[in-house]
N, C-alpha and C. Protein backbone atom coordinates (compact mmCIF):
# COMPACT_ATOMS: atom_id res chain seq x y z
N MET A 1 -12.42 -2.26 25.59
CA MET A 1 -10.99 -2.45 25.62
C MET A 1 -10.31 -1.10 25.84
N ALA A 2 -9.37 -1.05 26.75
CA ALA A 2 -8.65 0.18 27.06
C ALA A 2 -7.67 0.51 25.95
N PHE A 3 -7.44 1.79 25.76
CA PHE A 3 -6.48 2.26 24.76
C PHE A 3 -5.08 2.25 25.35
N VAL A 4 -4.14 1.67 24.60
CA VAL A 4 -2.74 1.66 25.00
C VAL A 4 -2.04 2.72 24.17
N LEU A 5 -1.48 3.73 24.84
CA LEU A 5 -0.88 4.85 24.12
C LEU A 5 0.30 4.42 23.26
N LYS A 6 1.17 3.59 23.76
CA LYS A 6 2.33 3.13 22.99
C LYS A 6 1.89 1.98 22.10
N GLN A 7 1.89 2.21 20.80
CA GLN A 7 1.51 1.21 19.82
C GLN A 7 2.76 0.58 19.21
N SER A 8 2.60 -0.59 18.62
CA SER A 8 3.72 -1.21 17.91
C SER A 8 4.09 -0.33 16.71
N ASP A 9 5.30 -0.49 16.22
CA ASP A 9 5.77 0.31 15.09
C ASP A 9 5.16 -0.11 13.77
N THR A 10 4.64 -1.36 13.70
CA THR A 10 4.07 -1.88 12.46
C THR A 10 2.82 -2.69 12.77
N TYR A 11 2.07 -3.00 11.71
CA TYR A 11 0.92 -3.89 11.82
C TYR A 11 0.70 -4.56 10.47
N SER A 12 0.02 -5.70 10.52
CA SER A 12 -0.24 -6.48 9.32
C SER A 12 -1.63 -6.14 8.79
N TRP A 13 -1.74 -6.01 7.46
CA TRP A 13 -3.02 -5.67 6.83
C TRP A 13 -3.08 -6.35 5.46
N PRO A 14 -4.23 -6.92 5.10
CA PRO A 14 -4.33 -7.59 3.79
C PRO A 14 -4.32 -6.60 2.63
N VAL A 15 -3.63 -6.99 1.57
CA VAL A 15 -3.59 -6.22 0.33
C VAL A 15 -4.16 -7.12 -0.76
N THR A 16 -5.18 -6.63 -1.46
CA THR A 16 -5.83 -7.39 -2.51
C THR A 16 -5.79 -6.60 -3.81
N PHE A 17 -5.50 -7.29 -4.89
CA PHE A 17 -5.41 -6.63 -6.20
C PHE A 17 -5.71 -7.65 -7.28
N ASP A 18 -6.01 -7.16 -8.47
CA ASP A 18 -6.30 -8.02 -9.62
C ASP A 18 -5.10 -8.04 -10.55
N VAL A 19 -4.82 -9.23 -11.09
CA VAL A 19 -3.78 -9.35 -12.12
C VAL A 19 -4.41 -9.96 -13.36
N PRO A 20 -4.01 -9.46 -14.55
CA PRO A 20 -4.55 -10.05 -15.77
C PRO A 20 -4.00 -11.45 -15.98
N VAL A 21 -4.87 -12.35 -16.44
CA VAL A 21 -4.48 -13.73 -16.76
C VAL A 21 -5.00 -14.07 -18.15
N ASP A 22 -4.56 -15.21 -18.65
CA ASP A 22 -4.98 -15.65 -19.98
C ASP A 22 -6.50 -15.66 -20.11
N GLY A 23 -6.96 -15.47 -21.33
CA GLY A 23 -8.39 -15.54 -21.61
C GLY A 23 -9.13 -14.24 -21.37
N GLY A 24 -8.39 -13.15 -21.20
CA GLY A 24 -9.06 -11.85 -21.00
C GLY A 24 -9.71 -11.71 -19.64
N ARG A 25 -9.18 -12.42 -18.67
CA ARG A 25 -9.76 -12.38 -17.32
C ARG A 25 -8.76 -11.74 -16.35
N HIS A 26 -9.26 -11.47 -15.16
CA HIS A 26 -8.43 -11.01 -14.06
C HIS A 26 -8.56 -12.01 -12.92
N GLU A 27 -7.49 -12.15 -12.18
CA GLU A 27 -7.49 -13.04 -11.02
C GLU A 27 -7.14 -12.23 -9.78
N LYS A 28 -7.92 -12.40 -8.72
CA LYS A 28 -7.68 -11.70 -7.47
C LYS A 28 -6.50 -12.33 -6.75
N GLN A 29 -5.55 -11.52 -6.33
CA GLN A 29 -4.39 -11.95 -5.57
C GLN A 29 -4.40 -11.22 -4.23
N THR A 30 -3.78 -11.82 -3.24
CA THR A 30 -3.72 -11.18 -1.93
C THR A 30 -2.47 -11.59 -1.18
N PHE A 31 -1.99 -10.71 -0.33
CA PHE A 31 -0.92 -11.02 0.61
C PHE A 31 -1.11 -10.11 1.82
N ASP A 32 -0.47 -10.45 2.92
CA ASP A 32 -0.54 -9.62 4.12
C ASP A 32 0.70 -8.74 4.17
N ALA A 33 0.47 -7.43 4.14
CA ALA A 33 1.57 -6.46 4.18
C ALA A 33 1.85 -6.09 5.63
N GLU A 34 3.11 -5.97 5.95
CA GLU A 34 3.51 -5.41 7.23
C GLU A 34 3.73 -3.92 6.98
N LEU A 35 2.89 -3.09 7.59
CA LEU A 35 2.87 -1.65 7.31
C LEU A 35 3.42 -0.86 8.48
N LYS A 36 4.16 0.18 8.15
CA LYS A 36 4.71 1.07 9.17
C LYS A 36 3.59 1.93 9.74
N ARG A 37 3.56 2.03 11.04
CA ARG A 37 2.59 2.89 11.72
C ARG A 37 3.16 4.31 11.75
N LEU A 38 2.67 5.16 10.86
CA LEU A 38 3.17 6.53 10.76
C LEU A 38 2.47 7.44 11.76
N PRO A 39 3.15 8.49 12.21
CA PRO A 39 2.49 9.46 13.08
C PRO A 39 1.45 10.26 12.28
N GLN A 40 0.46 10.77 12.97
CA GLN A 40 -0.63 11.52 12.32
C GLN A 40 -0.08 12.68 11.49
N SER A 41 0.95 13.34 11.97
CA SER A 41 1.51 14.48 11.23
C SER A 41 2.03 14.03 9.85
N ARG A 42 2.64 12.87 9.76
CA ARG A 42 3.14 12.36 8.47
C ARG A 42 1.99 11.93 7.58
N ILE A 43 0.97 11.34 8.17
CA ILE A 43 -0.21 10.94 7.39
C ILE A 43 -0.84 12.17 6.74
N ILE A 44 -0.95 13.26 7.48
CA ILE A 44 -1.51 14.49 6.94
C ILE A 44 -0.63 15.03 5.82
N GLU A 45 0.70 14.98 6.00
CA GLU A 45 1.61 15.41 4.94
C GLU A 45 1.39 14.61 3.66
N ILE A 46 1.27 13.30 3.81
CA ILE A 46 1.07 12.43 2.64
C ILE A 46 -0.28 12.74 1.98
N GLN A 47 -1.34 12.89 2.79
CA GLN A 47 -2.65 13.18 2.23
C GLN A 47 -2.63 14.51 1.47
N ASP A 48 -1.97 15.51 2.03
CA ASP A 48 -1.87 16.81 1.35
C ASP A 48 -1.10 16.67 0.05
N ALA A 49 -0.01 15.90 0.06
CA ALA A 49 0.80 15.70 -1.14
C ALA A 49 0.00 14.96 -2.21
N VAL A 50 -0.78 13.96 -1.80
CA VAL A 50 -1.62 13.22 -2.75
C VAL A 50 -2.66 14.17 -3.36
N GLN A 51 -3.26 15.02 -2.53
CA GLN A 51 -4.25 15.97 -3.04
C GLN A 51 -3.63 16.93 -4.04
N LYS A 52 -2.40 17.40 -3.77
CA LYS A 52 -1.70 18.28 -4.72
C LYS A 52 -1.49 17.56 -6.05
N ARG A 53 -1.11 16.30 -5.99
CA ARG A 53 -0.89 15.53 -7.22
C ARG A 53 -2.20 15.37 -7.99
N LEU A 54 -3.27 15.01 -7.28
CA LEU A 54 -4.57 14.84 -7.95
C LEU A 54 -5.04 16.15 -8.59
N THR A 55 -4.85 17.25 -7.90
CA THR A 55 -5.23 18.55 -8.43
C THR A 55 -4.43 18.87 -9.69
N ALA A 56 -3.12 18.60 -9.66
CA ALA A 56 -2.28 18.85 -10.83
C ALA A 56 -2.72 17.99 -12.01
N ILE A 57 -3.07 16.74 -11.74
CA ILE A 57 -3.54 15.84 -12.81
C ILE A 57 -4.85 16.37 -13.40
N GLN A 58 -5.77 16.78 -12.53
CA GLN A 58 -7.06 17.29 -13.00
C GLN A 58 -6.89 18.55 -13.85
N ARG A 59 -5.91 19.36 -13.51
CA ARG A 59 -5.68 20.61 -14.24
C ARG A 59 -4.72 20.42 -15.41
N ASP A 60 -4.32 19.16 -15.63
CA ASP A 60 -3.37 18.82 -16.70
C ASP A 60 -2.06 19.60 -16.54
N GLU A 61 -1.61 19.69 -15.28
CA GLU A 61 -0.36 20.37 -14.95
C GLU A 61 0.75 19.34 -14.70
N GLU A 62 1.96 19.82 -14.66
CA GLU A 62 3.14 18.98 -14.41
C GLU A 62 3.05 18.33 -13.02
N THR A 63 3.39 17.05 -12.95
CA THR A 63 3.36 16.34 -11.67
C THR A 63 4.75 15.93 -11.18
N ASP A 64 5.79 16.29 -11.93
CA ASP A 64 7.15 15.97 -11.50
C ASP A 64 7.40 16.58 -10.12
N GLY A 65 8.01 15.82 -9.25
CA GLY A 65 8.32 16.30 -7.91
C GLY A 65 7.19 16.10 -6.92
N LEU A 66 6.03 15.68 -7.40
CA LEU A 66 4.91 15.42 -6.49
C LEU A 66 4.90 13.94 -6.11
N ILE A 67 4.42 13.64 -4.94
CA ILE A 67 4.47 12.28 -4.38
C ILE A 67 3.73 11.28 -5.27
N THR A 68 4.25 10.06 -5.34
CA THR A 68 3.64 9.00 -6.13
C THR A 68 3.26 7.84 -5.22
N ASP A 69 2.40 6.96 -5.74
CA ASP A 69 2.07 5.73 -5.00
C ASP A 69 3.33 4.93 -4.70
N GLN A 70 4.26 4.92 -5.64
CA GLN A 70 5.52 4.19 -5.48
C GLN A 70 6.26 4.69 -4.24
N GLU A 71 6.33 6.00 -4.08
CA GLU A 71 7.05 6.58 -2.94
C GLU A 71 6.33 6.29 -1.62
N ILE A 72 5.01 6.37 -1.64
CA ILE A 72 4.24 6.07 -0.42
C ILE A 72 4.41 4.61 -0.04
N ALA A 73 4.24 3.72 -1.00
CA ALA A 73 4.36 2.28 -0.73
C ALA A 73 5.77 1.95 -0.23
N ASP A 74 6.77 2.58 -0.81
CA ASP A 74 8.14 2.34 -0.39
C ASP A 74 8.34 2.74 1.07
N GLU A 75 7.69 3.81 1.49
CA GLU A 75 7.81 4.28 2.87
C GLU A 75 7.08 3.39 3.87
N ILE A 76 5.91 2.88 3.49
CA ILE A 76 5.08 2.17 4.47
C ILE A 76 5.24 0.66 4.47
N LEU A 77 5.67 0.06 3.36
CA LEU A 77 5.79 -1.39 3.29
C LEU A 77 7.12 -1.83 3.89
N VAL A 78 7.05 -2.55 5.01
CA VAL A 78 8.27 -2.96 5.71
C VAL A 78 8.38 -4.47 5.88
N GLY A 79 7.43 -5.19 5.35
CA GLY A 79 7.47 -6.65 5.42
C GLY A 79 6.21 -7.24 4.82
N TRP A 80 6.12 -8.58 4.81
CA TRP A 80 4.93 -9.25 4.28
C TRP A 80 4.93 -10.72 4.64
N SER A 81 3.79 -11.33 4.40
CA SER A 81 3.65 -12.78 4.40
C SER A 81 2.66 -13.11 3.29
N GLY A 82 2.78 -14.31 2.76
CA GLY A 82 1.87 -14.73 1.70
C GLY A 82 2.32 -14.33 0.31
N VAL A 83 3.58 -13.94 0.14
CA VAL A 83 4.13 -13.67 -1.18
C VAL A 83 4.94 -14.90 -1.57
N LEU A 84 4.55 -15.51 -2.69
CA LEU A 84 5.17 -16.77 -3.11
C LEU A 84 5.91 -16.62 -4.43
N ASP A 85 6.92 -17.47 -4.62
CA ASP A 85 7.60 -17.49 -5.91
C ASP A 85 6.87 -18.45 -6.85
N ASP A 86 7.40 -18.65 -8.06
CA ASP A 86 6.73 -19.50 -9.05
C ASP A 86 6.72 -20.98 -8.68
N LYS A 87 7.45 -21.36 -7.63
CA LYS A 87 7.44 -22.74 -7.15
C LYS A 87 6.56 -22.93 -5.92
N GLY A 88 5.88 -21.85 -5.51
CA GLY A 88 5.01 -21.92 -4.35
C GLY A 88 5.72 -21.74 -3.02
N GLU A 89 6.97 -21.32 -3.08
CA GLU A 89 7.76 -21.09 -1.86
C GLU A 89 7.59 -19.64 -1.39
N GLU A 90 7.55 -19.45 -0.09
CA GLU A 90 7.44 -18.11 0.49
C GLU A 90 8.66 -17.27 0.10
N VAL A 91 8.41 -16.04 -0.35
CA VAL A 91 9.48 -15.12 -0.69
C VAL A 91 9.75 -14.25 0.54
N PRO A 92 10.94 -14.36 1.12
CA PRO A 92 11.23 -13.52 2.28
C PRO A 92 11.32 -12.05 1.88
N PHE A 93 10.91 -11.18 2.78
CA PHE A 93 10.98 -9.75 2.51
C PHE A 93 12.43 -9.30 2.47
N SER A 94 12.75 -8.51 1.48
CA SER A 94 14.05 -7.85 1.36
C SER A 94 13.82 -6.61 0.52
N GLU A 95 14.77 -5.71 0.52
CA GLU A 95 14.63 -4.51 -0.32
C GLU A 95 14.56 -4.88 -1.80
N LYS A 96 15.33 -5.89 -2.20
CA LYS A 96 15.30 -6.33 -3.60
C LYS A 96 13.93 -6.90 -3.95
N ALA A 97 13.39 -7.75 -3.08
CA ALA A 97 12.07 -8.34 -3.33
C ALA A 97 10.98 -7.27 -3.30
N LYS A 98 11.15 -6.29 -2.42
CA LYS A 98 10.19 -5.18 -2.34
C LYS A 98 10.18 -4.41 -3.66
N THR A 99 11.33 -4.16 -4.21
CA THR A 99 11.42 -3.48 -5.51
C THR A 99 10.72 -4.30 -6.59
N GLN A 100 10.91 -5.61 -6.55
CA GLN A 100 10.28 -6.48 -7.55
C GLN A 100 8.76 -6.46 -7.43
N ILE A 101 8.23 -6.57 -6.21
CA ILE A 101 6.77 -6.61 -6.05
C ILE A 101 6.15 -5.27 -6.43
N MET A 102 6.85 -4.17 -6.15
CA MET A 102 6.30 -2.86 -6.46
C MET A 102 6.40 -2.55 -7.95
N ASP A 103 7.09 -3.39 -8.70
CA ASP A 103 7.17 -3.23 -10.15
C ASP A 103 6.03 -3.97 -10.87
N VAL A 104 5.27 -4.75 -10.13
CA VAL A 104 4.12 -5.46 -10.70
C VAL A 104 2.96 -4.46 -10.82
N PRO A 105 2.39 -4.30 -12.03
CA PRO A 105 1.30 -3.34 -12.20
C PRO A 105 0.16 -3.59 -11.20
N THR A 106 -0.37 -2.55 -10.68
CA THR A 106 -1.49 -2.46 -9.73
C THR A 106 -1.11 -2.75 -8.28
N VAL A 107 0.07 -3.29 -8.01
CA VAL A 107 0.41 -3.65 -6.63
C VAL A 107 0.65 -2.43 -5.76
N THR A 108 1.43 -1.45 -6.24
CA THR A 108 1.71 -0.29 -5.39
C THR A 108 0.43 0.47 -5.05
N ALA A 109 -0.44 0.64 -6.03
CA ALA A 109 -1.71 1.31 -5.75
C ALA A 109 -2.52 0.53 -4.73
N ALA A 110 -2.49 -0.80 -4.81
CA ALA A 110 -3.21 -1.65 -3.86
C ALA A 110 -2.63 -1.52 -2.45
N ILE A 111 -1.32 -1.41 -2.34
CA ILE A 111 -0.69 -1.23 -1.02
C ILE A 111 -1.13 0.09 -0.40
N VAL A 112 -1.10 1.15 -1.18
CA VAL A 112 -1.49 2.47 -0.69
C VAL A 112 -2.98 2.48 -0.32
N THR A 113 -3.81 1.87 -1.16
CA THR A 113 -5.24 1.79 -0.88
C THR A 113 -5.49 1.01 0.41
N ALA A 114 -4.81 -0.10 0.58
CA ALA A 114 -4.96 -0.90 1.80
C ALA A 114 -4.54 -0.09 3.02
N TYR A 115 -3.44 0.65 2.90
CA TYR A 115 -2.96 1.45 4.02
C TYR A 115 -4.01 2.47 4.44
N PHE A 116 -4.51 3.25 3.49
CA PHE A 116 -5.50 4.27 3.84
C PHE A 116 -6.81 3.64 4.31
N SER A 117 -7.17 2.49 3.78
CA SER A 117 -8.35 1.77 4.27
C SER A 117 -8.16 1.36 5.72
N SER A 118 -6.95 0.96 6.07
CA SER A 118 -6.68 0.53 7.44
C SER A 118 -6.84 1.68 8.42
N LEU A 119 -6.64 2.90 7.97
CA LEU A 119 -6.75 4.08 8.84
C LEU A 119 -8.18 4.53 9.06
N GLN A 120 -9.11 4.03 8.24
CA GLN A 120 -10.49 4.46 8.34
C GLN A 120 -11.22 3.84 9.51
N GLY A 121 -10.73 2.73 10.03
CA GLY A 121 -11.39 2.07 11.15
C GLY A 121 -12.61 1.31 10.69
N ALA A 122 -13.28 0.72 11.64
CA ALA A 122 -14.47 -0.07 11.34
C ALA A 122 -15.57 0.82 10.80
N LYS A 123 -16.27 0.34 9.79
CA LYS A 123 -17.38 1.10 9.23
C LYS A 123 -18.51 1.16 10.23
N ARG A 124 -19.15 2.33 10.30
CA ARG A 124 -20.25 2.50 11.23
C ARG A 124 -21.57 2.21 10.52
N LYS A 125 -22.50 1.63 11.25
CA LYS A 125 -23.85 1.42 10.71
C LYS A 125 -24.65 2.67 10.89
N ASN A 126 -25.53 2.96 9.90
CA ASN A 126 -26.38 4.16 9.99
C ASN A 126 -27.50 3.95 10.95
């Protein structure tokens, strides 16, 4: 397949995460995130910022002002499908709904993990 230089501004990628449920168990949840296609220069900036944060955490240093999963997810998440309300109805994407989903524990980390996984490409066989 030939490479097309001009890519779409976004793409859909599955996000999977666990939520605690009754009985001391976890249940796997998933939705398809519409992710912003960032330029390589911004990806490198984010990776460097994440590394600075991890280094500060490892050294038990202050992390105020350093990038968070919340900030990354807020930048890259621009839509979704497969997010339902308590009645089983599709929740349309909006900034308010985005704030609500990112307030659910483990979701923002799952969005960021899915994003960086999407950038790795297909795994190669040895």
